[in-house]
Each structure stands twice: as structure tokens, then as C-alpha cells.
N, C-alpha and C. Protein backbone atom coordinates (compact mmCIF):
# COMPACT_ATOMS: atom_id res chain seq x y z
N UNK A 1 5.43 31.84 11.69
CA UNK A 1 4.34 31.02 11.22
C UNK A 1 3.81 31.59 9.91
N UNK A 2 3.33 30.70 9.12
CA UNK A 2 2.79 31.13 7.84
C UNK A 2 1.42 31.75 8.06
N UNK A 3 1.19 32.83 7.36
CA UNK A 3 -0.10 33.49 7.45
C UNK A 3 -1.08 32.77 6.52
N UNK A 4 -2.17 32.27 7.06
CA UNK A 4 -3.14 31.52 6.28
C UNK A 4 -4.30 32.38 5.82
N UNK A 5 -4.12 33.67 5.84
CA UNK A 5 -5.19 34.56 5.39
C UNK A 5 -5.45 34.32 3.91
N UNK A 6 -6.70 34.31 3.56
CA UNK A 6 -7.05 34.11 2.16
C UNK A 6 -7.50 32.69 1.87
N UNK A 7 -7.33 31.79 2.80
CA UNK A 7 -7.82 30.43 2.57
C UNK A 7 -9.25 30.35 3.07
N UNK A 8 -10.08 29.70 2.32
CA UNK A 8 -11.50 29.62 2.66
C UNK A 8 -11.87 28.29 3.29
N UNK A 9 -10.93 27.57 3.81
CA UNK A 9 -11.22 26.28 4.41
C UNK A 9 -10.84 25.16 3.45
N UNK A 10 -11.40 24.01 3.67
CA UNK A 10 -11.04 22.87 2.82
C UNK A 10 -11.49 23.08 1.38
N UNK A 11 -10.67 22.60 0.47
CA UNK A 11 -10.98 22.74 -0.96
C UNK A 11 -12.11 21.78 -1.33
N UNK A 12 -12.85 22.16 -2.35
CA UNK A 12 -13.92 21.30 -2.86
C UNK A 12 -13.29 20.10 -3.57
N UNK A 13 -13.92 18.92 -3.48
CA UNK A 13 -13.39 17.76 -4.19
C UNK A 13 -13.42 18.00 -5.70
N UNK A 14 -12.48 17.40 -6.39
CA UNK A 14 -12.41 17.58 -7.84
C UNK A 14 -13.60 16.89 -8.52
N UNK A 15 -13.78 17.22 -9.80
CA UNK A 15 -14.86 16.62 -10.58
C UNK A 15 -14.71 15.11 -10.63
N UNK A 16 -13.50 14.62 -10.85
CA UNK A 16 -13.25 13.17 -10.95
C UNK A 16 -13.59 12.50 -9.62
N UNK A 17 -13.19 13.12 -8.52
CA UNK A 17 -13.49 12.56 -7.20
C UNK A 17 -14.99 12.48 -6.97
N UNK A 18 -15.71 13.54 -7.33
CA UNK A 18 -17.16 13.53 -7.17
C UNK A 18 -17.82 12.51 -8.08
N UNK A 19 -17.29 12.36 -9.31
CA UNK A 19 -17.83 11.39 -10.26
C UNK A 19 -17.68 9.97 -9.72
N UNK A 20 -16.48 9.63 -9.24
CA UNK A 20 -16.26 8.28 -8.71
C UNK A 20 -17.10 8.03 -7.46
N UNK A 21 -17.28 9.05 -6.63
CA UNK A 21 -18.13 8.91 -5.46
C UNK A 21 -19.57 8.63 -5.88
N UNK A 22 -20.05 9.35 -6.89
CA UNK A 22 -21.40 9.15 -7.40
C UNK A 22 -21.56 7.74 -7.95
N UNK A 23 -20.58 7.27 -8.73
CA UNK A 23 -20.64 5.92 -9.31
C UNK A 23 -20.64 4.87 -8.21
N UNK A 24 -19.78 5.04 -7.21
CA UNK A 24 -19.75 4.07 -6.10
C UNK A 24 -21.08 4.03 -5.36
N UNK A 25 -21.68 5.19 -5.14
CA UNK A 25 -22.97 5.24 -4.44
C UNK A 25 -24.07 4.57 -5.25
N UNK A 26 -24.09 4.80 -6.56
CA UNK A 26 -25.11 4.16 -7.41
C UNK A 26 -24.92 2.65 -7.44
N UNK A 27 -23.67 2.21 -7.52
CA UNK A 27 -23.38 0.77 -7.53
C UNK A 27 -23.81 0.13 -6.22
N UNK A 28 -23.51 0.78 -5.10
CA UNK A 28 -23.90 0.25 -3.80
C UNK A 28 -25.42 0.21 -3.67
N UNK A 29 -26.10 1.22 -4.17
CA UNK A 29 -27.57 1.24 -4.14
C UNK A 29 -28.13 0.07 -4.94
N UNK A 30 -27.56 -0.20 -6.11
CA UNK A 30 -27.99 -1.33 -6.92
C UNK A 30 -27.79 -2.64 -6.16
N UNK A 31 -26.62 -2.81 -5.54
CA UNK A 31 -26.36 -4.03 -4.77
C UNK A 31 -27.33 -4.17 -3.61
N UNK A 32 -27.61 -3.07 -2.94
CA UNK A 32 -28.57 -3.10 -1.82
C UNK A 32 -29.97 -3.46 -2.30
N UNK A 33 -30.34 -3.01 -3.49
CA UNK A 33 -31.67 -3.30 -4.02
C UNK A 33 -31.84 -4.75 -4.44
N UNK A 34 -30.80 -5.38 -4.97
CA UNK A 34 -30.93 -6.76 -5.47
C UNK A 34 -30.60 -7.81 -4.42
N UNK A 35 -30.04 -7.43 -3.30
CA UNK A 35 -29.67 -8.40 -2.28
C UNK A 35 -30.86 -9.21 -1.76
N UNK A 36 -32.04 -8.63 -1.57
CA UNK A 36 -33.16 -9.44 -1.07
C UNK A 36 -33.56 -10.58 -2.00
N UNK A 37 -33.18 -10.51 -3.26
CA UNK A 37 -33.58 -11.53 -4.22
C UNK A 37 -32.52 -12.62 -4.40
N UNK A 38 -31.66 -12.80 -3.42
CA UNK A 38 -30.56 -13.75 -3.55
C UNK A 38 -31.04 -15.18 -3.79
N UNK A 39 -32.02 -15.73 -3.08
CA UNK A 39 -32.46 -17.10 -3.37
C UNK A 39 -32.99 -17.26 -4.79
N UNK A 40 -33.70 -16.26 -5.27
CA UNK A 40 -34.23 -16.33 -6.64
C UNK A 40 -33.08 -16.35 -7.63
N UNK A 41 -32.04 -15.55 -7.39
CA UNK A 41 -30.89 -15.53 -8.30
C UNK A 41 -30.21 -16.89 -8.33
N UNK A 42 -30.07 -17.55 -7.18
CA UNK A 42 -29.44 -18.88 -7.15
C UNK A 42 -30.30 -19.90 -7.88
N UNK A 43 -31.60 -19.83 -7.72
CA UNK A 43 -32.50 -20.76 -8.41
C UNK A 43 -32.40 -20.57 -9.91
N UNK A 44 -32.43 -19.32 -10.36
CA UNK A 44 -32.31 -19.04 -11.80
C UNK A 44 -30.96 -19.51 -12.32
N UNK A 45 -29.91 -19.29 -11.56
CA UNK A 45 -28.58 -19.74 -11.97
C UNK A 45 -28.55 -21.25 -12.10
N UNK A 46 -29.12 -21.96 -11.16
CA UNK A 46 -29.16 -23.42 -11.21
C UNK A 46 -29.96 -23.91 -12.42
N UNK A 47 -31.09 -23.30 -12.68
CA UNK A 47 -31.91 -23.68 -13.84
C UNK A 47 -31.14 -23.45 -15.13
N UNK A 48 -30.49 -22.31 -15.26
CA UNK A 48 -29.71 -22.03 -16.46
C UNK A 48 -28.56 -23.02 -16.62
N UNK A 49 -27.92 -23.38 -15.52
CA UNK A 49 -26.84 -24.36 -15.57
C UNK A 49 -27.35 -25.71 -16.05
N UNK A 50 -28.50 -26.13 -15.54
CA UNK A 50 -29.08 -27.41 -15.95
C UNK A 50 -29.46 -27.38 -17.43
N UNK A 51 -30.07 -26.30 -17.87
CA UNK A 51 -30.45 -26.18 -19.28
C UNK A 51 -29.20 -26.21 -20.16
N UNK A 52 -28.17 -25.51 -19.77
CA UNK A 52 -26.93 -25.50 -20.54
C UNK A 52 -26.30 -26.89 -20.58
N UNK A 53 -26.29 -27.59 -19.45
CA UNK A 53 -25.71 -28.93 -19.40
C UNK A 53 -26.48 -29.89 -20.29
N UNK A 54 -27.80 -29.84 -20.23
CA UNK A 54 -28.62 -30.71 -21.09
C UNK A 54 -28.36 -30.40 -22.56
N UNK A 55 -28.31 -29.14 -22.89
CA UNK A 55 -28.03 -28.74 -24.27
C UNK A 55 -26.66 -29.23 -24.71
N UNK A 56 -25.67 -29.08 -23.86
CA UNK A 56 -24.31 -29.51 -24.16
C UNK A 56 -24.26 -31.02 -24.39
N UNK A 57 -24.91 -31.79 -23.52
CA UNK A 57 -24.90 -33.25 -23.66
C UNK A 57 -25.70 -33.70 -24.87
N UNK A 58 -26.77 -33.01 -25.18
CA UNK A 58 -27.62 -33.37 -26.31
C UNK A 58 -26.88 -33.14 -27.64
N UNK A 59 -26.15 -32.05 -27.73
CA UNK A 59 -25.46 -31.72 -28.98
C UNK A 59 -24.15 -32.47 -29.17
N UNK A 60 -23.70 -33.15 -28.17
CA UNK A 60 -22.41 -33.83 -28.26
C UNK A 60 -22.46 -35.09 -29.03
């Protein structure tokens, strides 16, 4: 059997791995924070769509 003396347990994650984990956590936190405002986002989207459509038809 191989002698495992000198190993200190699992290796620490690399910098890139920690960076991507941090980015994923921040992104998920942002999504969790804005989720309660879903009806407001749909209303704003609908209003913007109507304004854009009116503008498009007016300029045509």
C-alpha cells in the first residue's frame, strides 16, 4: 500500500474555483432579492412594450 504520510487532507480549492463559487453565490443572491418583485417587473415590461409599439406605429 502506498504510504500517505505527508498529506494534510483534502486540498484547498483553487483561486478560479473559489472565484466562480463567489460569483455564483452573488448571482443567486441577486436573483433571490429581485424575485419578490416579479409582478412589478411584468407590469413595467408590458408598459415598455406598449410605449415601444405606439412609438413604432407613430413613426411609421
